[in-house]
Structures are given as structure tokens and as C-alpha cells.
Amino acid sequence: MALPNFAQRYEAGDVWLADCSIRPDLIRAAWEKEALAPIASGGHWLAAEARLATGYPVVARIRAEQRGPVLADPASDKLWWLVPLNAAEELAGVRHLTVRPTAWLLRCPPTGWHLEGRMWIVRPDGSGQLTDPAVLAAAFGPGGYRLPAEATS
């Protein structure tokens, strides 16, 4: 069985990622110009942000079949997990993690490229799989999850 070429290998992820925008044509146009494409959160996913130094070890604590896409920007020390739309409340108590609101723009490279220092360390594969917020919270481990203030009073 022949292995698919580089372009075919990442096309499904690129299609899915572009389709997460209300204007997939603008996303593809940005990538054709070798520029990051701004994709608004809230249509298909939210972005859960952590410092790269804090979050990178967490990626390895999540089994591959449970990981959704993860974007890294080493220059800004940032890492973003794509999580379901209902994740904000569940992840609100996770120290070191900020869930960005609906309409927040995540500047994305296509799945198979590094652009402006950003790269997918877990690439979108076209399936639409996102990281479950409970799994992400647990992966931050001891001291990573805090009960909401009202639960401790």
C-alpha cells in the first residue's frame, strides 16, 4: 500500500479547519499566501490556552485517541487545545488554563506547515475530534484542578 503524499496526508485536516470558519475561502487564501489564518472560536470549538512550558508536558499525559488538535507558538510561549463549545465551565477551575471566548480569533497555520513560528503539535485530522475537557483537566494533574469558589464555601 502506497503512503499518501504530504499534501494528501493533511488535506482532510485543512478542509475541516477551514470549514470551521464562516469563510473557508478566506482561510485557504491566507494559507496560499503563506500567512496565518484567523479562525474565530465558537462555531465548532473553543480554544483552551496555556503557557507552552506548562502545557506541553500535559499533551503527553493524554492518550493519542483522546487528543484533539493542539497548536503551539513557542515564541509567545503559548499552546492551545481545541475543545468542545461546552468546555468553558468545566475548565474554569483548571489552573494555568484560560478558555478563550466565542469569536476570539486563533491565528492558525494549515495542518502540515509551520508558519510564523506556529505549528500543530497534534494536527487536525478532519474527524472533528476535540479534547474532552474532563480529560484535559485530569491531565493537568495534582494541583491543576481547583473547585469553583462556591463549592468550597
N, C-alpha and C. Protein backbone atom coordinates (compact mmCIF):
# COMPACT_ATOMS: atom_id res chain seq x y z
N MET A 1 0.84 -1.17 0.00
CA MET A 1 0.00 0.00 0.00
C MET A 1 0.89 1.24 0.00
N ALA A 2 0.65 2.14 -0.92
CA ALA A 2 1.46 3.35 -1.04
C ALA A 2 1.03 4.38 0.02
N LEU A 3 2.01 5.08 0.55
CA LEU A 3 1.71 6.14 1.51
C LEU A 3 1.27 7.38 0.75
N PRO A 4 0.29 8.12 1.28
CA PRO A 4 -0.15 9.34 0.59
C PRO A 4 0.94 10.39 0.63
N ASN A 5 0.95 11.28 -0.38
CA ASN A 5 1.95 12.33 -0.36
C ASN A 5 1.60 13.35 0.71
N PHE A 6 2.52 14.26 0.96
CA PHE A 6 2.39 15.25 2.04
C PHE A 6 1.09 16.03 1.93
N ALA A 7 0.76 16.52 0.74
CA ALA A 7 -0.45 17.33 0.56
C ALA A 7 -1.70 16.53 0.87
N GLN A 8 -1.78 15.30 0.39
CA GLN A 8 -2.96 14.47 0.64
C GLN A 8 -3.07 14.11 2.12
N ARG A 9 -1.95 13.91 2.77
CA ARG A 9 -1.93 13.49 4.16
C ARG A 9 -2.61 14.51 5.07
N TYR A 10 -2.46 15.79 4.76
CA TYR A 10 -3.01 16.83 5.62
C TYR A 10 -4.25 17.50 5.05
N GLU A 11 -4.69 17.13 3.87
CA GLU A 11 -5.83 17.79 3.24
C GLU A 11 -7.10 17.68 4.08
N ALA A 12 -7.38 16.53 4.65
CA ALA A 12 -8.61 16.36 5.45
C ALA A 12 -8.60 17.31 6.64
N GLY A 13 -7.47 17.45 7.30
CA GLY A 13 -7.37 18.39 8.42
C GLY A 13 -7.54 19.82 7.98
N ASP A 14 -6.94 20.17 6.84
CA ASP A 14 -7.08 21.53 6.32
C ASP A 14 -8.52 21.84 5.95
N VAL A 15 -9.20 20.87 5.32
CA VAL A 15 -10.60 21.07 4.94
C VAL A 15 -11.44 21.31 6.19
N TRP A 16 -11.27 20.47 7.19
CA TRP A 16 -12.03 20.62 8.43
C TRP A 16 -11.73 21.96 9.09
N LEU A 17 -10.46 22.31 9.21
CA LEU A 17 -10.09 23.55 9.87
C LEU A 17 -10.64 24.76 9.12
N ALA A 18 -10.52 24.79 7.82
CA ALA A 18 -11.07 25.90 7.03
C ALA A 18 -12.59 25.96 7.17
N ASP A 19 -13.23 24.80 7.21
CA ASP A 19 -14.69 24.76 7.35
C ASP A 19 -15.17 25.20 8.73
N CYS A 20 -14.27 25.34 9.68
CA CYS A 20 -14.63 25.87 10.99
C CYS A 20 -14.83 27.39 10.93
N SER A 21 -14.51 27.99 9.82
CA SER A 21 -14.69 29.42 9.60
C SER A 21 -15.97 29.65 8.81
N ILE A 22 -16.56 30.83 8.99
CA ILE A 22 -17.73 31.16 8.17
C ILE A 22 -17.32 31.49 6.74
N ARG A 23 -16.00 31.71 6.54
CA ARG A 23 -15.48 31.98 5.20
C ARG A 23 -14.26 31.09 4.91
N PRO A 24 -14.49 29.80 4.64
CA PRO A 24 -13.37 28.89 4.35
C PRO A 24 -12.49 29.38 3.21
N ASP A 25 -13.07 30.09 2.26
CA ASP A 25 -12.29 30.60 1.13
C ASP A 25 -11.22 31.59 1.59
N LEU A 26 -11.53 32.40 2.60
CA LEU A 26 -10.54 33.35 3.11
C LEU A 26 -9.43 32.65 3.89
N ILE A 27 -9.79 31.57 4.54
CA ILE A 27 -8.78 30.78 5.27
C ILE A 27 -7.79 30.19 4.28
N ARG A 28 -8.31 29.56 3.24
CA ARG A 28 -7.43 28.95 2.21
C ARG A 28 -6.61 30.02 1.50
N ALA A 29 -7.18 31.19 1.24
CA ALA A 29 -6.45 32.28 0.58
C ALA A 29 -5.27 32.73 1.45
N ALA A 30 -5.48 32.83 2.75
CA ALA A 30 -4.39 33.20 3.66
C ALA A 30 -3.28 32.16 3.59
N TRP A 31 -3.65 30.88 3.63
CA TRP A 31 -2.64 29.82 3.59
C TRP A 31 -1.90 29.81 2.27
N GLU A 32 -2.60 30.10 1.18
CA GLU A 32 -1.92 30.16 -0.12
C GLU A 32 -0.88 31.27 -0.17
N LYS A 33 -1.09 32.32 0.62
CA LYS A 33 -0.13 33.42 0.72
C LYS A 33 0.91 33.16 1.82
N GLU A 34 0.87 31.94 2.38
CA GLU A 34 1.76 31.54 3.46
C GLU A 34 1.63 32.46 4.66
N ALA A 35 0.37 32.74 5.03
CA ALA A 35 0.06 33.57 6.19
C ALA A 35 -0.83 32.77 7.14
N LEU A 36 -0.78 33.13 8.41
CA LEU A 36 -1.68 32.52 9.38
C LEU A 36 -3.11 32.98 9.08
N ALA A 37 -4.05 32.09 9.27
CA ALA A 37 -5.45 32.40 9.01
C ALA A 37 -6.20 32.58 10.33
N PRO A 38 -6.90 33.69 10.50
CA PRO A 38 -7.65 33.90 11.74
C PRO A 38 -8.98 33.14 11.71
N ILE A 39 -9.12 32.17 12.61
CA ILE A 39 -10.35 31.39 12.69
C ILE A 39 -10.99 31.70 14.04
N ALA A 40 -12.24 32.15 13.98
CA ALA A 40 -12.95 32.52 15.21
C ALA A 40 -13.41 31.29 15.97
N SER A 41 -13.21 31.32 17.26
CA SER A 41 -13.71 30.25 18.12
C SER A 41 -15.22 30.42 18.27
N GLY A 42 -15.88 29.36 18.67
CA GLY A 42 -17.30 29.43 18.95
C GLY A 42 -18.20 28.81 17.92
N GLY A 43 -17.71 28.62 16.70
CA GLY A 43 -18.53 27.96 15.68
C GLY A 43 -18.50 26.46 15.83
N HIS A 44 -17.30 25.92 16.06
CA HIS A 44 -17.11 24.47 16.17
C HIS A 44 -16.34 24.08 17.42
N TRP A 45 -15.59 25.00 17.97
CA TRP A 45 -14.73 24.71 19.11
C TRP A 45 -14.40 25.99 19.85
N LEU A 46 -13.85 25.83 21.06
CA LEU A 46 -13.25 26.92 21.81
C LEU A 46 -11.77 26.60 21.94
N ALA A 47 -10.98 27.61 22.22
CA ALA A 47 -9.54 27.43 22.39
C ALA A 47 -9.19 27.54 23.87
N ALA A 48 -8.58 26.50 24.41
CA ALA A 48 -8.11 26.49 25.80
C ALA A 48 -6.61 26.76 25.75
N GLU A 49 -6.19 27.87 26.34
CA GLU A 49 -4.81 28.36 26.23
C GLU A 49 -4.02 28.13 27.51
N ALA A 50 -2.77 27.75 27.33
CA ALA A 50 -1.84 27.59 28.46
C ALA A 50 -0.47 28.07 28.00
N ARG A 51 0.40 28.29 28.96
CA ARG A 51 1.79 28.57 28.62
C ARG A 51 2.39 27.28 28.04
N LEU A 52 3.24 27.43 27.05
CA LEU A 52 3.85 26.26 26.42
C LEU A 52 4.62 25.43 27.44
N ALA A 53 5.38 26.10 28.29
CA ALA A 53 6.20 25.39 29.27
C ALA A 53 5.34 24.59 30.25
N THR A 54 4.17 25.08 30.57
CA THR A 54 3.25 24.38 31.48
C THR A 54 2.44 23.32 30.75
N GLY A 55 1.98 23.65 29.55
CA GLY A 55 1.05 22.78 28.84
C GLY A 55 1.67 21.66 28.03
N TYR A 56 2.88 21.85 27.54
CA TYR A 56 3.47 20.84 26.66
C TYR A 56 3.57 19.46 27.32
N PRO A 57 4.01 19.38 28.59
CA PRO A 57 4.04 18.05 29.23
C PRO A 57 2.65 17.42 29.36
N VAL A 58 1.62 18.25 29.44
CA VAL A 58 0.25 17.76 29.57
C VAL A 58 -0.18 17.01 28.31
N VAL A 59 0.30 17.45 27.15
CA VAL A 59 -0.07 16.79 25.89
C VAL A 59 0.28 15.30 25.97
N ALA A 60 1.43 14.98 26.49
CA ALA A 60 1.87 13.58 26.57
C ALA A 60 1.06 12.77 27.59
N ARG A 61 0.38 13.44 28.52
CA ARG A 61 -0.43 12.73 29.51
C ARG A 61 -1.79 12.31 28.98
N ILE A 62 -2.12 12.78 27.79
CA ILE A 62 -3.41 12.44 27.19
C ILE A 62 -3.17 11.39 26.10
N ARG A 63 -3.88 10.29 26.18
CA ARG A 63 -3.71 9.23 25.18
C ARG A 63 -4.03 9.77 23.80
N ALA A 64 -3.31 9.29 22.80
CA ALA A 64 -3.45 9.79 21.43
C ALA A 64 -4.89 9.76 20.94
N GLU A 65 -5.62 8.70 21.26
CA GLU A 65 -7.00 8.61 20.78
C GLU A 65 -7.95 9.58 21.48
N GLN A 66 -7.48 10.24 22.54
CA GLN A 66 -8.30 11.21 23.26
C GLN A 66 -7.89 12.65 22.97
N ARG A 67 -6.84 12.84 22.21
CA ARG A 67 -6.34 14.18 21.92
C ARG A 67 -7.01 14.78 20.71
N GLY A 68 -7.46 16.01 20.87
CA GLY A 68 -7.88 16.81 19.73
C GLY A 68 -6.71 17.66 19.30
N PRO A 69 -6.92 18.53 18.33
CA PRO A 69 -5.83 19.38 17.83
C PRO A 69 -5.22 20.27 18.92
N VAL A 70 -3.90 20.43 18.83
CA VAL A 70 -3.16 21.29 19.75
C VAL A 70 -2.20 22.13 18.92
N LEU A 71 -2.31 23.44 19.04
CA LEU A 71 -1.48 24.40 18.31
C LEU A 71 -0.47 25.01 19.27
N ALA A 72 0.77 25.15 18.81
CA ALA A 72 1.83 25.72 19.65
C ALA A 72 2.45 26.94 18.98
N ASP A 73 2.84 27.90 19.82
CA ASP A 73 3.58 29.08 19.38
C ASP A 73 4.72 29.29 20.38
N PRO A 74 5.87 28.66 20.12
CA PRO A 74 6.99 28.76 21.06
C PRO A 74 7.45 30.19 21.33
N ALA A 75 7.42 31.06 20.33
CA ALA A 75 7.90 32.43 20.53
C ALA A 75 7.06 33.20 21.54
N SER A 76 5.78 32.92 21.59
CA SER A 76 4.92 33.61 22.56
C SER A 76 4.64 32.76 23.80
N ASP A 77 5.27 31.58 23.87
CA ASP A 77 5.10 30.66 24.99
C ASP A 77 3.62 30.30 25.19
N LYS A 78 2.94 29.98 24.07
CA LYS A 78 1.51 29.65 24.13
C LYS A 78 1.23 28.29 23.48
N LEU A 79 0.19 27.67 24.00
CA LEU A 79 -0.29 26.39 23.50
C LEU A 79 -1.81 26.43 23.58
N TRP A 80 -2.49 25.98 22.52
CA TRP A 80 -3.96 25.98 22.50
C TRP A 80 -4.48 24.60 22.17
N TRP A 81 -5.41 24.10 23.00
CA TRP A 81 -6.16 22.88 22.71
C TRP A 81 -7.49 23.31 22.12
N LEU A 82 -7.96 22.61 21.11
CA LEU A 82 -9.31 22.85 20.61
C LEU A 82 -10.23 21.93 21.41
N VAL A 83 -11.20 22.56 22.07
CA VAL A 83 -12.09 21.86 22.99
C VAL A 83 -13.55 22.12 22.59
N PRO A 84 -14.49 21.28 23.04
CA PRO A 84 -15.90 21.47 22.69
C PRO A 84 -16.45 22.82 23.17
N LEU A 85 -17.53 23.22 22.56
CA LEU A 85 -18.16 24.51 22.87
C LEU A 85 -18.65 24.60 24.31
N ASN A 86 -18.92 23.49 24.95
CA ASN A 86 -19.41 23.50 26.33
C ASN A 86 -18.28 23.36 27.36
N ALA A 87 -17.04 23.54 26.95
CA ALA A 87 -15.89 23.27 27.83
C ALA A 87 -15.57 24.40 28.80
N ALA A 88 -16.02 25.61 28.55
CA ALA A 88 -15.60 26.77 29.36
C ALA A 88 -15.90 26.58 30.84
N GLU A 89 -17.09 26.14 31.16
CA GLU A 89 -17.45 25.98 32.57
C GLU A 89 -16.63 24.89 33.24
N GLU A 90 -16.47 23.77 32.55
CA GLU A 90 -15.72 22.65 33.15
C GLU A 90 -14.24 22.98 33.34
N LEU A 91 -13.68 23.78 32.44
CA LEU A 91 -12.26 24.12 32.53
C LEU A 91 -11.99 25.40 33.32
N ALA A 92 -13.05 26.07 33.78
CA ALA A 92 -12.88 27.32 34.52
C ALA A 92 -12.05 27.13 35.79
N GLY A 93 -12.09 25.94 36.38
CA GLY A 93 -11.35 25.69 37.60
C GLY A 93 -9.96 25.12 37.40
N VAL A 94 -9.49 25.04 36.16
CA VAL A 94 -8.17 24.47 35.90
C VAL A 94 -7.13 25.58 35.89
N ARG A 95 -6.26 25.52 36.87
CA ARG A 95 -5.18 26.48 36.98
C ARG A 95 -4.30 26.38 35.74
N HIS A 96 -3.74 27.45 35.31
CA HIS A 96 -2.83 27.52 34.15
C HIS A 96 -3.53 27.39 32.81
N LEU A 97 -4.86 27.41 32.79
CA LEU A 97 -5.60 27.23 31.55
C LEU A 97 -6.67 28.31 31.45
N THR A 98 -6.71 28.97 30.30
CA THR A 98 -7.71 30.01 30.03
C THR A 98 -8.50 29.60 28.80
N VAL A 99 -9.81 29.52 28.94
CA VAL A 99 -10.65 29.21 27.78
C VAL A 99 -11.05 30.53 27.14
N ARG A 100 -10.66 30.69 25.89
CA ARG A 100 -10.97 31.92 25.16
C ARG A 100 -12.44 31.92 24.76
N PRO A 101 -13.06 33.10 24.74
CA PRO A 101 -14.49 33.18 24.46
C PRO A 101 -14.84 33.00 22.98
N THR A 102 -16.12 32.82 22.74
CA THR A 102 -16.65 32.78 21.38
C THR A 102 -16.22 34.05 20.64
N ALA A 103 -15.89 33.90 19.39
CA ALA A 103 -15.46 34.99 18.49
C ALA A 103 -14.00 35.41 18.70
N TRP A 104 -13.28 34.73 19.61
CA TRP A 104 -11.85 35.01 19.78
C TRP A 104 -11.12 34.40 18.57
N LEU A 105 -10.19 35.15 18.00
CA LEU A 105 -9.50 34.69 16.79
C LEU A 105 -8.23 33.92 17.12
N LEU A 106 -8.15 32.71 16.64
CA LEU A 106 -6.94 31.89 16.74
C LEU A 106 -6.29 31.91 15.37
N ARG A 107 -5.09 32.45 15.32
CA ARG A 107 -4.36 32.54 14.04
C ARG A 107 -3.67 31.21 13.80
N CYS A 108 -4.15 30.50 12.75
CA CYS A 108 -3.77 29.11 12.50
C CYS A 108 -2.97 28.92 11.21
N PRO A 109 -1.94 28.09 11.26
CA PRO A 109 -1.32 27.63 10.02
C PRO A 109 -2.13 26.44 9.49
N PRO A 110 -1.91 26.05 8.25
CA PRO A 110 -2.53 24.81 7.80
C PRO A 110 -1.92 23.64 8.59
N THR A 111 -2.54 22.49 8.51
CA THR A 111 -2.14 21.38 9.38
C THR A 111 -0.73 20.85 9.13
N GLY A 112 -0.22 20.96 7.93
CA GLY A 112 1.08 20.37 7.64
C GLY A 112 2.24 21.36 7.60
N TRP A 113 2.01 22.62 7.94
CA TRP A 113 3.06 23.63 7.82
C TRP A 113 3.33 24.30 9.16
N HIS A 114 4.53 24.85 9.27
CA HIS A 114 4.88 25.76 10.35
C HIS A 114 4.85 27.14 9.70
N LEU A 115 4.12 28.06 10.28
CA LEU A 115 4.08 29.43 9.78
C LEU A 115 4.27 30.40 10.93
N GLU A 116 5.11 31.39 10.71
CA GLU A 116 5.35 32.44 11.71
C GLU A 116 5.60 31.84 13.09
N GLY A 117 6.26 30.70 13.11
CA GLY A 117 6.61 30.04 14.37
C GLY A 117 5.53 29.15 14.94
N ARG A 118 4.34 29.18 14.39
CA ARG A 118 3.25 28.35 14.91
C ARG A 118 3.21 27.01 14.20
N MET A 119 2.86 25.97 14.98
CA MET A 119 2.80 24.62 14.43
C MET A 119 1.79 23.80 15.20
N TRP A 120 1.17 22.87 14.50
CA TRP A 120 0.26 21.93 15.14
C TRP A 120 1.10 20.80 15.72
N ILE A 121 1.08 20.64 17.03
CA ILE A 121 1.80 19.50 17.62
C ILE A 121 0.88 18.28 17.66
N VAL A 122 -0.43 18.50 17.64
CA VAL A 122 -1.41 17.45 17.37
C VAL A 122 -2.27 18.05 16.26
N ARG A 123 -2.14 17.50 15.08
CA ARG A 123 -2.78 18.09 13.90
C ARG A 123 -4.26 17.72 13.79
N PRO A 124 -5.07 18.68 13.32
CA PRO A 124 -6.44 18.31 12.98
C PRO A 124 -6.39 17.23 11.90
N ASP A 125 -7.22 16.21 12.05
CA ASP A 125 -7.17 15.10 11.08
C ASP A 125 -8.40 15.04 10.20
N GLY A 126 -9.30 16.00 10.37
CA GLY A 126 -10.52 16.03 9.58
C GLY A 126 -11.70 15.36 10.25
N SER A 127 -11.47 14.67 11.34
CA SER A 127 -12.55 13.94 12.02
C SER A 127 -13.42 14.85 12.88
N GLY A 128 -12.88 16.01 13.24
CA GLY A 128 -13.60 16.91 14.14
C GLY A 128 -13.39 16.59 15.61
N GLN A 129 -12.52 15.62 15.90
CA GLN A 129 -12.27 15.26 17.29
C GLN A 129 -11.66 16.43 18.04
N LEU A 130 -12.17 16.68 19.24
CA LEU A 130 -11.67 17.72 20.12
C LEU A 130 -11.25 17.06 21.42
N THR A 131 -10.46 17.76 22.22
CA THR A 131 -10.04 17.21 23.51
C THR A 131 -11.17 17.39 24.51
N ASP A 132 -11.56 16.28 25.13
CA ASP A 132 -12.60 16.30 26.15
C ASP A 132 -12.11 17.14 27.33
N PRO A 133 -12.91 18.11 27.81
CA PRO A 133 -12.46 18.96 28.90
C PRO A 133 -12.15 18.19 30.19
N ALA A 134 -12.88 17.12 30.48
CA ALA A 134 -12.59 16.33 31.69
C ALA A 134 -11.23 15.67 31.58
N VAL A 135 -10.90 15.17 30.40
CA VAL A 135 -9.60 14.54 30.17
C VAL A 135 -8.50 15.59 30.28
N LEU A 136 -8.71 16.77 29.70
CA LEU A 136 -7.72 17.84 29.78
C LEU A 136 -7.51 18.29 31.21
N ALA A 137 -8.59 18.46 31.96
CA ALA A 137 -8.48 18.87 33.37
C ALA A 137 -7.69 17.83 34.16
N ALA A 138 -8.01 16.56 33.96
CA ALA A 138 -7.31 15.49 34.68
C ALA A 138 -5.84 15.44 34.31
N ALA A 139 -5.51 15.73 33.06
CA ALA A 139 -4.12 15.67 32.60
C ALA A 139 -3.25 16.73 33.24
N PHE A 140 -3.86 17.81 33.68
CA PHE A 140 -3.07 18.83 34.38
C PHE A 140 -2.61 18.33 35.74
N GLY A 141 -3.24 17.25 36.24
CA GLY A 141 -2.76 16.54 37.41
C GLY A 141 -2.96 17.25 38.73
N PRO A 142 -2.28 16.74 39.77
CA PRO A 142 -2.42 17.30 41.11
C PRO A 142 -2.12 18.80 41.11
N GLY A 143 -3.01 19.51 41.76
CA GLY A 143 -2.83 20.95 41.84
C GLY A 143 -3.29 21.67 40.60
N GLY A 144 -3.70 20.93 39.58
CA GLY A 144 -4.11 21.57 38.35
C GLY A 144 -5.58 21.90 38.31
N TYR A 145 -6.38 21.20 39.12
CA TYR A 145 -7.81 21.44 39.10
C TYR A 145 -8.23 22.03 40.44
N ARG A 146 -8.99 23.12 40.38
CA ARG A 146 -9.50 23.74 41.60
C ARG A 146 -11.01 23.70 41.56
N LEU A 147 -11.64 23.44 42.70
CA LEU A 147 -13.09 23.51 42.77
C LEU A 147 -13.53 24.96 42.63
N PRO A 148 -14.67 25.21 42.01
CA PRO A 148 -15.18 26.58 41.96
C PRO A 148 -15.35 27.13 43.37
N ALA A 149 -15.22 28.43 43.54
CA ALA A 149 -15.29 29.06 44.87
C ALA A 149 -16.57 28.68 45.61
N GLU A 150 -17.71 28.64 44.92
CA GLU A 150 -18.97 28.32 45.59
C GLU A 150 -19.00 26.89 46.12
N ALA A 151 -18.21 26.00 45.57
CA ALA A 151 -18.17 24.61 46.03
C ALA A 151 -17.38 24.45 47.32
N THR A 152 -16.50 25.41 47.60
CA THR A 152 -15.67 25.32 48.81
C THR A 152 -16.23 26.11 49.97
N SER A 153 -17.33 26.85 49.76
CA SER A 153 -17.90 27.64 50.87
C SER A 153 -18.98 26.91 51.59
